[in-house]
Amino acid sequence: MEISWWHILIGFFFGNGMPHFLMGVAGKKFRSPLGASSPTQVNVIWGLLNFVFGTAGIVYLNESAPLMAQWFGFLIGFWITVAMFGFGMEHFKGEDF
């Protein structure tokens, strides 16, 4: 399997989604495409959209590839981690919130 622009785009989606999602669930304002000081909900949604597009890209590229099981393993671990942070962030917040 060779690297294509699809792989770079998928990496961009996952990489770009992470800071938006984490800042949003942490309750901090962060720049998004909708403004310099976007509300936390906007960043959570923007991060999740990036994750969904990255996931769709992996599924599209690998629908008949022999490595699909490994990619599904990656996606399952990734989405479990996203869910843990998304639903359990209150547990991780420090005193500055």
PDB file of N, CA and C in Angstrom:
ATOM      1  N   MET A   1       0.844  -1.174   0.000  1.00  0.00           N
ATOM      2  CA  MET A   1       0.000   0.000   0.000  1.00  0.00           C
ATOM      3  C   MET A   1       0.892   1.241   0.000  1.00  0.00           C
ATOM      4  N   GLU A   2       0.639   2.124  -0.897  1.00  0.00           N
ATOM      5  CA  GLU A   2       1.449   3.339  -0.970  1.00  0.00           C
ATOM      6  C   GLU A   2       0.698   4.518  -0.356  1.00  0.00           C
ATOM      7  N   ILE A   3       1.454   5.505   0.040  1.00  0.00           N
ATOM      8  CA  ILE A   3       0.862   6.701   0.644  1.00  0.00           C
ATOM      9  C   ILE A   3       0.324   7.594  -0.472  1.00  0.00           C
ATOM     10  N   SER A   4      -0.881   8.071  -0.271  1.00  0.00           N
ATOM     11  CA  SER A   4      -1.491   8.972  -1.246  1.00  0.00           C
ATOM     12  C   SER A   4      -1.935  10.246  -0.528  1.00  0.00           C
ATOM     13  N   TRP A   5      -2.477  11.163  -1.281  1.00  0.00           N
ATOM     14  CA  TRP A   5      -2.965  12.406  -0.669  1.00  0.00           C
ATOM     15  C   TRP A   5      -4.133  12.114   0.264  1.00  0.00           C
ATOM     16  N   TRP A   6      -4.828  10.989   0.065  1.00  0.00           N
ATOM     17  CA  TRP A   6      -5.916  10.591   0.972  1.00  0.00           C
ATOM     18  C   TRP A   6      -5.372  10.361   2.381  1.00  0.00           C
ATOM     19  N   HIS A   7      -4.230   9.707   2.483  1.00  0.00           N
ATOM     20  CA  HIS A   7      -3.647   9.433   3.790  1.00  0.00           C
ATOM     21  C   HIS A   7      -3.268  10.730   4.507  1.00  0.00           C
ATOM     22  N   ILE A   8      -2.758  11.674   3.760  1.00  0.00           N
ATOM     23  CA  ILE A   8      -2.404  12.973   4.338  1.00  0.00           C
ATOM     24  C   ILE A   8      -3.655  13.700   4.806  1.00  0.00           C
ATOM     25  N   LEU A   9      -4.709  13.653   4.003  1.00  0.00           N
ATOM     26  CA  LEU A   9      -5.969  14.307   4.364  1.00  0.00           C
ATOM     27  C   LEU A   9      -6.589  13.671   5.610  1.00  0.00           C
ATOM     28  N   ILE A  10      -6.556  12.347   5.692  1.00  0.00           N
ATOM     29  CA  ILE A  10      -7.079  11.657   6.869  1.00  0.00           C
ATOM     30  C   ILE A  10      -6.278  12.052   8.109  1.00  0.00           C
ATOM     31  N   GLY A  11      -4.969  12.098   7.989  1.00  0.00           N
ATOM     32  CA  GLY A  11      -4.128  12.540   9.105  1.00  0.00           C
ATOM     33  C   GLY A  11      -4.445  13.963   9.515  1.00  0.00           C
ATOM     34  N   PHE A  12      -4.708  14.819   8.539  1.00  0.00           N
ATOM     35  CA  PHE A  12      -5.088  16.201   8.843  1.00  0.00           C
ATOM     36  C   PHE A  12      -6.374  16.247   9.648  1.00  0.00           C
ATOM     37  N   PHE A  13      -7.376  15.474   9.234  1.00  0.00           N
ATOM     38  CA  PHE A  13      -8.658  15.490   9.947  1.00  0.00           C
ATOM     39  C   PHE A  13      -8.497  15.050  11.397  1.00  0.00           C
ATOM     40  N   PHE A  14      -7.785  13.953  11.629  1.00  0.00           N
ATOM     41  CA  PHE A  14      -7.599  13.492  13.008  1.00  0.00           C
ATOM     42  C   PHE A  14      -6.752  14.477  13.810  1.00  0.00           C
ATOM     43  N   GLY A  15      -5.696  14.987  13.208  1.00  0.00           N
ATOM     44  CA  GLY A  15      -4.832  15.942  13.902  1.00  0.00           C
ATOM     45  C   GLY A  15      -5.522  17.259  14.198  1.00  0.00           C
ATOM     46  N   ASN A  16      -6.304  17.757  13.251  1.00  0.00           N
ATOM     47  CA  ASN A  16      -7.002  19.021  13.440  1.00  0.00           C
ATOM     48  C   ASN A  16      -8.158  18.887  14.427  1.00  0.00           C
ATOM     49  N   GLY A  17      -8.785  17.734  14.449  1.00  0.00           N
ATOM     50  CA  GLY A  17      -9.924  17.550  15.347  1.00  0.00           C
ATOM     51  C   GLY A  17      -9.539  17.500  16.811  1.00  0.00           C
ATOM     52  N   MET A  18      -8.358  16.994  17.102  1.00  0.00           N
ATOM     53  CA  MET A  18      -7.964  16.778  18.493  1.00  0.00           C
ATOM     54  C   MET A  18      -7.937  18.056  19.331  1.00  0.00           C
ATOM     55  N   PRO A  19      -7.236  19.129  18.943  1.00  0.00           N
ATOM     56  CA  PRO A  19      -7.219  20.305  19.830  1.00  0.00           C
ATOM     57  C   PRO A  19      -8.588  20.950  19.982  1.00  0.00           C
ATOM     58  N   HIS A  20      -9.389  20.952  18.912  1.00  0.00           N
ATOM     59  CA  HIS A  20     -10.723  21.547  19.006  1.00  0.00           C
ATOM     60  C   HIS A  20     -11.596  20.751  19.970  1.00  0.00           C
ATOM     61  N   PHE A  21     -11.575  19.429  19.826  1.00  0.00           N
ATOM     62  CA  PHE A  21     -12.389  18.587  20.693  1.00  0.00           C
ATOM     63  C   PHE A  21     -11.946  18.701  22.152  1.00  0.00           C
ATOM     64  N   LEU A  22     -10.650  18.600  22.401  1.00  0.00           N
ATOM     65  CA  LEU A  22     -10.155  18.637  23.778  1.00  0.00           C
ATOM     66  C   LEU A  22     -10.402  19.982  24.445  1.00  0.00           C
ATOM     67  N   MET A  23     -10.173  21.075  23.729  1.00  0.00           N
ATOM     68  CA  MET A  23     -10.441  22.390  24.325  1.00  0.00           C
ATOM     69  C   MET A  23     -11.932  22.576  24.578  1.00  0.00           C
ATOM     70  N   GLY A  24     -12.756  22.059  23.672  1.00  0.00           N
ATOM     71  CA  GLY A  24     -14.204  22.165  23.857  1.00  0.00           C
ATOM     72  C   GLY A  24     -14.690  21.395  25.070  1.00  0.00           C
ATOM     73  N   VAL A  25     -14.273  20.130  25.207  1.00  0.00           N
ATOM     74  CA  VAL A  25     -14.736  19.355  26.359  1.00  0.00           C
ATOM     75  C   VAL A  25     -14.103  19.843  27.655  1.00  0.00           C
ATOM     76  N   ALA A  26     -12.963  20.532  27.573  1.00  0.00           N
ATOM     77  CA  ALA A  26     -12.337  21.103  28.766  1.00  0.00           C
ATOM     78  C   ALA A  26     -13.006  22.413  29.176  1.00  0.00           C
ATOM     79  N   GLY A  27     -13.918  22.910  28.332  1.00  0.00           N
ATOM     80  CA  GLY A  27     -14.631  24.138  28.670  1.00  0.00           C
ATOM     81  C   GLY A  27     -13.874  25.410  28.378  1.00  0.00           C
ATOM     82  N   LYS A  28     -12.892  25.344  27.502  1.00  0.00           N
ATOM     83  CA  LYS A  28     -12.090  26.526  27.174  1.00  0.00           C
ATOM     84  C   LYS A  28     -12.399  27.004  25.763  1.00  0.00           C
ATOM     85  N   LYS A  29     -12.421  28.318  25.592  1.00  0.00           N
ATOM     86  CA  LYS A  29     -12.633  28.878  24.257  1.00  0.00           C
ATOM     87  C   LYS A  29     -11.391  28.660  23.417  1.00  0.00           C
ATOM     88  N   PHE A  30     -11.617  28.475  22.113  1.00  0.00           N
ATOM     89  CA  PHE A  30     -10.519  28.145  21.216  1.00  0.00           C
ATOM     90  C   PHE A  30     -10.914  28.596  19.822  1.00  0.00           C
ATOM     91  N   ARG A  31      -9.925  29.019  19.030  1.00  0.00           N
ATOM     92  CA  ARG A  31     -10.198  29.467  17.658  1.00  0.00           C
ATOM     93  C   ARG A  31     -10.746  28.312  16.826  1.00  0.00           C
ATOM     94  N   SER A  32     -11.784  28.611  16.045  1.00  0.00           N
ATOM     95  CA  SER A  32     -12.334  27.644  15.092  1.00  0.00           C
ATOM     96  C   SER A  32     -12.573  28.376  13.778  1.00  0.00           C
ATOM     97  N   PRO A  33     -12.987  27.687  12.744  1.00  0.00           N
ATOM     98  CA  PRO A  33     -13.288  28.378  11.486  1.00  0.00           C
ATOM     99  C   PRO A  33     -14.439  29.378  11.612  1.00  0.00           C
ATOM    100  N   LEU A  34     -15.174  29.308  12.712  1.00  0.00           N
ATOM    101  CA  LEU A  34     -16.305  30.224  12.906  1.00  0.00           C
ATOM    102  C   LEU A  34     -15.951  31.453  13.726  1.00  0.00           C
ATOM    103  N   GLY A  35     -14.696  31.571  14.138  1.00  0.00           N
ATOM    104  CA  GLY A  35     -14.314  32.777  14.865  1.00  0.00           C
ATOM    105  C   GLY A  35     -13.125  32.558  15.777  1.00  0.00           C
ATOM    106  N   ALA A  36     -12.526  33.673  16.209  1.00  0.00           N
ATOM    107  CA  ALA A  36     -11.309  33.621  17.015  1.00  0.00           C
ATOM    108  C   ALA A  36     -11.561  33.099  18.423  1.00  0.00           C
ATOM    109  N   SER A  37     -12.735  33.342  18.949  1.00  0.00           N
ATOM    110  CA  SER A  37     -13.041  32.916  20.314  1.00  0.00           C
ATOM    111  C   SER A  37     -14.364  32.161  20.301  1.00  0.00           C
ATOM    112  N   SER A  38     -14.364  31.018  19.657  1.00  0.00           N
ATOM    113  CA  SER A  38     -15.590  30.242  19.486  1.00  0.00           C
ATOM    114  C   SER A  38     -16.024  29.595  20.795  1.00  0.00           C
ATOM    115  N   PRO A  39     -17.326  29.469  20.992  1.00  0.00           N
ATOM    116  CA  PRO A  39     -17.826  28.786  22.189  1.00  0.00           C
ATOM    117  C   PRO A  39     -17.361  27.328  22.236  1.00  0.00           C
ATOM    118  N   THR A  40     -17.378  26.778  23.417  1.00  0.00           N
ATOM    119  CA  THR A  40     -16.892  25.410  23.592  1.00  0.00           C
ATOM    120  C   THR A  40     -17.696  24.408  22.776  1.00  0.00           C
ATOM    121  N   GLN A  41     -19.009  24.606  22.659  1.00  0.00           N
ATOM    122  CA  GLN A  41     -19.843  23.669  21.908  1.00  0.00           C
ATOM    123  C   GLN A  41     -19.443  23.629  20.438  1.00  0.00           C
ATOM    124  N   VAL A  42     -19.079  24.781  19.890  1.00  0.00           N
ATOM    125  CA  VAL A  42     -18.655  24.847  18.488  1.00  0.00           C
ATOM    126  C   VAL A  42     -17.385  24.023  18.290  1.00  0.00           C
ATOM    127  N   ASN A  43     -16.458  24.136  19.222  1.00  0.00           N
ATOM    128  CA  ASN A  43     -15.208  23.387  19.092  1.00  0.00           C
ATOM    129  C   ASN A  43     -15.411  21.890  19.267  1.00  0.00           C
ATOM    130  N   VAL A  44     -16.314  21.482  20.156  1.00  0.00           N
ATOM    131  CA  VAL A  44     -16.604  20.053  20.302  1.00  0.00           C
ATOM    132  C   VAL A  44     -17.178  19.523  18.992  1.00  0.00           C
ATOM    133  N   ILE A  45     -18.131  20.236  18.420  1.00  0.00           N
ATOM    134  CA  ILE A  45     -18.759  19.801  17.168  1.00  0.00           C
ATOM    135  C   ILE A  45     -17.743  19.811  16.032  1.00  0.00           C
ATOM    136  N   TRP A  46     -16.912  20.851  15.962  1.00  0.00           N
ATOM    137  CA  TRP A  46     -15.904  20.920  14.902  1.00  0.00           C
ATOM    138  C   TRP A  46     -14.904  19.767  15.028  1.00  0.00           C
ATOM    139  N   GLY A  47     -14.470  19.479  16.234  1.00  0.00           N
ATOM    140  CA  GLY A  47     -13.569  18.356  16.450  1.00  0.00           C
ATOM    141  C   GLY A  47     -14.208  17.031  16.055  1.00  0.00           C
ATOM    142  N   LEU A  48     -15.462  16.827  16.467  1.00  0.00           N
ATOM    143  CA  LEU A  48     -16.155  15.588  16.116  1.00  0.00           C
ATOM    144  C   LEU A  48     -16.344  15.450  14.611  1.00  0.00           C
ATOM    145  N   LEU A  49     -16.649  16.556  13.933  1.00  0.00           N
ATOM    146  CA  LEU A  49     -16.784  16.497  12.471  1.00  0.00           C
ATOM    147  C   LEU A  49     -15.467  16.085  11.813  1.00  0.00           C
ATOM    148  N   ASN A  50     -14.368  16.609  12.306  1.00  0.00           N
ATOM    149  CA  ASN A  50     -13.063  16.196  11.787  1.00  0.00           C
ATOM    150  C   ASN A  50     -12.839  14.701  12.005  1.00  0.00           C
ATOM    151  N   PHE A  51     -13.205  14.203  13.181  1.00  0.00           N
ATOM    152  CA  PHE A  51     -13.057  12.774  13.469  1.00  0.00           C
ATOM    153  C   PHE A  51     -13.935  11.926  12.558  1.00  0.00           C
ATOM    154  N   VAL A  52     -15.153  12.382  12.317  1.00  0.00           N
ATOM    155  CA  VAL A  52     -16.071  11.641  11.440  1.00  0.00           C
ATOM    156  C   VAL A  52     -15.518  11.607  10.012  1.00  0.00           C
ATOM    157  N   PHE A  53     -15.021  12.732   9.522  1.00  0.00           N
ATOM    158  CA  PHE A  53     -14.452  12.762   8.166  1.00  0.00           C
ATOM    159  C   PHE A  53     -13.213  11.871   8.068  1.00  0.00           C
ATOM    160  N   GLY A  54     -12.367  11.877   9.104  1.00  0.00           N
ATOM    161  CA  GLY A  54     -11.209  11.002   9.117  1.00  0.00           C
ATOM    162  C   GLY A  54     -11.605   9.531   9.129  1.00  0.00           C
ATOM    163  N   THR A  55     -12.610   9.204   9.928  1.00  0.00           N
ATOM    164  CA  THR A  55     -13.114   7.829   9.983  1.00  0.00           C
ATOM    165  C   THR A  55     -13.691   7.414   8.637  1.00  0.00           C
ATOM    166  N   ALA A  56     -14.478   8.284   8.030  1.00  0.00           N
ATOM    167  CA  ALA A  56     -15.060   7.981   6.716  1.00  0.00           C
ATOM    168  C   ALA A  56     -13.964   7.764   5.677  1.00  0.00           C
ATOM    169  N   GLY A  57     -12.895   8.538   5.751  1.00  0.00           N
ATOM    170  CA  GLY A  57     -11.782   8.367   4.818  1.00  0.00           C
ATOM    171  C   GLY A  57     -11.105   7.017   4.972  1.00  0.00           C
ATOM    172  N   ILE A  58     -10.913   6.587   6.226  1.00  0.00           N
ATOM    173  CA  ILE A  58     -10.303   5.274   6.456  1.00  0.00           C
ATOM    174  C   ILE A  58     -11.199   4.169   5.914  1.00  0.00           C
ATOM    175  N   VAL A  59     -12.487   4.257   6.192  1.00  0.00           N
ATOM    176  CA  VAL A  59     -13.412   3.231   5.718  1.00  0.00           C
ATOM    177  C   VAL A  59     -13.460   3.231   4.194  1.00  0.00           C
ATOM    178  N   TYR A  60     -13.483   4.401   3.578  1.00  0.00           N
ATOM    179  CA  TYR A  60     -13.518   4.500   2.116  1.00  0.00           C
ATOM    180  C   TYR A  60     -12.269   3.894   1.477  1.00  0.00           C
ATOM    181  N   LEU A  61     -11.107   4.211   2.031  1.00  0.00           N
ATOM    182  CA  LEU A  61      -9.858   3.709   1.458  1.00  0.00           C
ATOM    183  C   LEU A  61      -9.660   2.213   1.642  1.00  0.00           C
ATOM    184  N   ASN A  62     -10.217   1.660   2.695  1.00  0.00           N
ATOM    185  CA  ASN A  62      -9.895   0.288   3.067  1.00  0.00           C
ATOM    186  C   ASN A  62     -11.073  -0.664   2.991  1.00  0.00           C
ATOM    187  N   GLU A  63     -12.099  -0.339   2.237  1.00  0.00           N
ATOM    188  CA  GLU A  63     -13.287  -1.193   2.251  1.00  0.00           C
ATOM    189  C   GLU A  63     -13.009  -2.613   1.770  1.00  0.00           C
ATOM    190  N   SER A  64     -12.006  -2.817   0.957  1.00  0.00           N
ATOM    191  CA  SER A  64     -11.686  -4.176   0.525  1.00  0.00           C
ATOM    192  C   SER A  64     -10.220  -4.533   0.783  1.00  0.00           C
ATOM    193  N   ALA A  65      -9.544  -3.719   1.536  1.00  0.00           N
ATOM    194  CA  ALA A  65      -8.114  -3.952   1.791  1.00  0.00           C
ATOM    195  C   ALA A  65      -7.925  -5.016   2.870  1.00  0.00           C
ATOM    196  N   PRO A  66      -6.845  -5.772   2.786  1.00  0.00           N
ATOM    197  CA  PRO A  66      -6.592  -6.805   3.796  1.00  0.00           C
ATOM    198  C   PRO A  66      -6.281  -6.243   5.180  1.00  0.00           C
ATOM    199  N   LEU A  67      -5.937  -4.981   5.283  1.00  0.00           N
ATOM    200  CA  LEU A  67      -5.617  -4.381   6.582  1.00  0.00           C
ATOM    201  C   LEU A  67      -6.830  -3.773   7.274  1.00  0.00           C
ATOM    202  N   MET A  68      -8.028  -4.008   6.764  1.00  0.00           N
ATOM    203  CA  MET A  68      -9.219  -3.379   7.325  1.00  0.00           C
ATOM    204  C   MET A  68      -9.406  -3.729   8.798  1.00  0.00           C
ATOM    205  N   ALA A  69      -9.117  -4.954   9.206  1.00  0.00           N
ATOM    206  CA  ALA A  69      -9.279  -5.338  10.609  1.00  0.00           C
ATOM    207  C   ALA A  69      -8.378  -4.492  11.510  1.00  0.00           C
ATOM    208  N   GLN A  70      -7.147  -4.229  11.073  1.00  0.00           N
ATOM    209  CA  GLN A  70      -6.250  -3.392  11.877  1.00  0.00           C
ATOM    210  C   GLN A  70      -6.778  -1.960  11.960  1.00  0.00           C
ATOM    211  N   TRP A  71      -7.290  -1.442  10.853  1.00  0.00           N
ATOM    212  CA  TRP A  71      -7.845  -0.096  10.876  1.00  0.00           C
ATOM    213  C   TRP A  71      -9.081  -0.024  11.762  1.00  0.00           C
ATOM    214  N   PHE A  72      -9.913  -1.066  11.732  1.00  0.00           N
ATOM    215  CA  PHE A  72     -11.074  -1.079  12.625  1.00  0.00           C
ATOM    216  C   PHE A  72     -10.628  -1.109  14.079  1.00  0.00           C
ATOM    217  N   GLY A  73      -9.565  -1.832  14.377  1.00  0.00           N
ATOM    218  CA  GLY A  73      -9.019  -1.827  15.728  1.00  0.00           C
ATOM    219  C   GLY A  73      -8.594  -0.433  16.155  1.00  0.00           C
ATOM    220  N   PHE A  74      -7.910   0.270  15.253  1.00  0.00           N
ATOM    221  CA  PHE A  74      -7.511   1.655  15.531  1.00  0.00           C
ATOM    222  C   PHE A  74      -8.739   2.526  15.784  1.00  0.00           C
ATOM    223  N   LEU A  75      -9.745   2.418  14.911  1.00  0.00           N
ATOM    224  CA  LEU A  75     -10.936   3.258  15.037  1.00  0.00           C
ATOM    225  C   LEU A  75     -11.714   2.963  16.315  1.00  0.00           C
ATOM    226  N   ILE A  76     -11.810   1.696  16.695  1.00  0.00           N
ATOM    227  CA  ILE A  76     -12.513   1.346  17.932  1.00  0.00           C
ATOM    228  C   ILE A  76     -11.795   1.971  19.128  1.00  0.00           C
ATOM    229  N   GLY A  77     -10.477   1.820  19.195  1.00  0.00           N
ATOM    230  CA  GLY A  77      -9.713   2.432  20.286  1.00  0.00           C
ATOM    231  C   GLY A  77      -9.833   3.942  20.291  1.00  0.00           C
ATOM    232  N   PHE A  78      -9.771   4.537  19.118  1.00  0.00           N
ATOM    233  CA  PHE A  78      -9.875   5.993  19.015  1.00  0.00           C
ATOM    234  C   PHE A  78     -11.231   6.482  19.506  1.00  0.00           C
ATOM    235  N   TRP A  79     -12.314   5.872  19.032  1.00  0.00           N
ATOM    236  CA  TRP A  79     -13.654   6.333  19.398  1.00  0.00           C
ATOM    237  C   TRP A  79     -13.979   6.042  20.863  1.00  0.00           C
ATOM    238  N   ILE A  80     -13.419   4.994  21.439  1.00  0.00           N
ATOM    239  CA  ILE A  80     -13.596   4.757  22.877  1.00  0.00           C
ATOM    240  C   ILE A  80     -12.931   5.876  23.672  1.00  0.00           C
ATOM    241  N   THR A  81     -11.736   6.277  23.248  1.00  0.00           N
ATOM    242  CA  THR A  81     -11.031   7.370  23.923  1.00  0.00           C
ATOM    243  C   THR A  81     -11.802   8.683  23.790  1.00  0.00           C
ATOM    244  N   VAL A  82     -12.318   8.974  22.603  1.00  0.00           N
ATOM    245  CA  VAL A  82     -13.118  10.184  22.396  1.00  0.00           C
ATOM    246  C   VAL A  82     -14.342  10.166  23.301  1.00  0.00           C
ATOM    247  N   ALA A  83     -15.016   9.035  23.382  1.00  0.00           N
ATOM    248  CA  ALA A  83     -16.201   8.930  24.238  1.00  0.00           C
ATOM    249  C   ALA A  83     -15.841   9.117  25.708  1.00  0.00           C
ATOM    250  N   MET A  84     -14.720   8.536  26.142  1.00  0.00           N
ATOM    251  CA  MET A  84     -14.309   8.694  27.539  1.00  0.00           C
ATOM    252  C   MET A  84     -14.073  10.161  27.878  1.00  0.00           C
ATOM    253  N   PHE A  85     -13.376  10.882  26.995  1.00  0.00           N
ATOM    254  CA  PHE A  85     -13.136  12.300  27.255  1.00  0.00           C
ATOM    255  C   PHE A  85     -14.412  13.110  27.118  1.00  0.00           C
ATOM    256  N   GLY A  86     -15.219  12.800  26.127  1.00  0.00           N
ATOM    257  CA  GLY A  86     -16.437  13.566  25.892  1.00  0.00           C
ATOM    258  C   GLY A  86     -17.450  13.436  27.005  1.00  0.00           C
ATOM    259  N   PHE A  87     -17.630  12.221  27.496  1.00  0.00           N
ATOM    260  CA  PHE A  87     -18.643  11.994  28.525  1.00  0.00           C
ATOM    261  C   PHE A  87     -18.095  12.086  29.940  1.00  0.00           C
ATOM    262  N   GLY A  88     -16.789  11.969  30.101  1.00  0.00           N
ATOM    263  CA  GLY A  88     -16.224  11.947  31.438  1.00  0.00           C
ATOM    264  C   GLY A  88     -15.305  13.083  31.771  1.00  0.00           C
ATOM    265  N   MET A  89     -15.343  14.172  31.017  1.00  0.00           N
ATOM    266  CA  MET A  89     -14.401  15.266  31.240  1.00  0.00           C
ATOM    267  C   MET A  89     -14.581  15.913  32.607  1.00  0.00           C
ATOM    268  N   GLU A  90     -15.792  15.901  33.131  1.00  0.00           N
ATOM    269  CA  GLU A  90     -16.017  16.493  34.451  1.00  0.00           C
ATOM    270  C   GLU A  90     -15.119  15.834  35.503  1.00  0.00           C
ATOM    271  N   HIS A  91     -14.848  14.574  35.337  1.00  0.00           N
ATOM    272  CA  HIS A  91     -14.007  13.835  36.281  1.00  0.00           C
ATOM    273  C   HIS A  91     -12.556  14.313  36.232  1.00  0.00           C
ATOM    274  N   PHE A  92     -12.089  14.777  35.064  1.00  0.00           N
ATOM    275  CA  PHE A  92     -10.696  15.145  34.883  1.00  0.00           C
ATOM    276  C   PHE A  92     -10.419  16.625  35.125  1.00  0.00           C
ATOM    277  N   LYS A  93     -11.454  17.436  35.249  1.00  0.00           N
ATOM    278  CA  LYS A  93     -11.241  18.885  35.389  1.00  0.00           C
ATOM    279  C   LYS A  93     -10.557  19.192  36.718  1.00  0.00           C
ATOM    280  N   GLY A  94      -9.666  20.161  36.674  1.00  0.00           N
ATOM    281  CA  GLY A  94      -8.947  20.588  37.876  1.00  0.00           C
ATOM    282  C   GLY A  94      -9.656  21.729  38.566  1.00  0.00           C
ATOM    283  N   GLU A  95      -8.944  22.375  39.456  1.00  0.00           N
ATOM    284  CA  GLU A  95      -9.517  23.456  40.242  1.00  0.00           C
ATOM    285  C   GLU A  95      -9.734  24.743  39.462  1.00  0.00           C
ATOM    286  N   ASP A  96      -9.133  24.864  38.285  1.00  0.00           N
ATOM    287  CA  ASP A  96      -9.233  26.118  37.538  1.00  0.00           C
ATOM    288  C   ASP A  96     -10.523  26.202  36.718  1.00  0.00           C
ATOM    289  N   PHE A  97     -11.441  25.280  36.899  1.00  0.00           N
ATOM    290  CA  PHE A  97     -12.705  25.313  36.137  1.00  0.00           C
ATOM    291  C   PHE A  97     -13.839  25.733  37.011  1.00  0.00           C
TER     292      PHE A  97
END
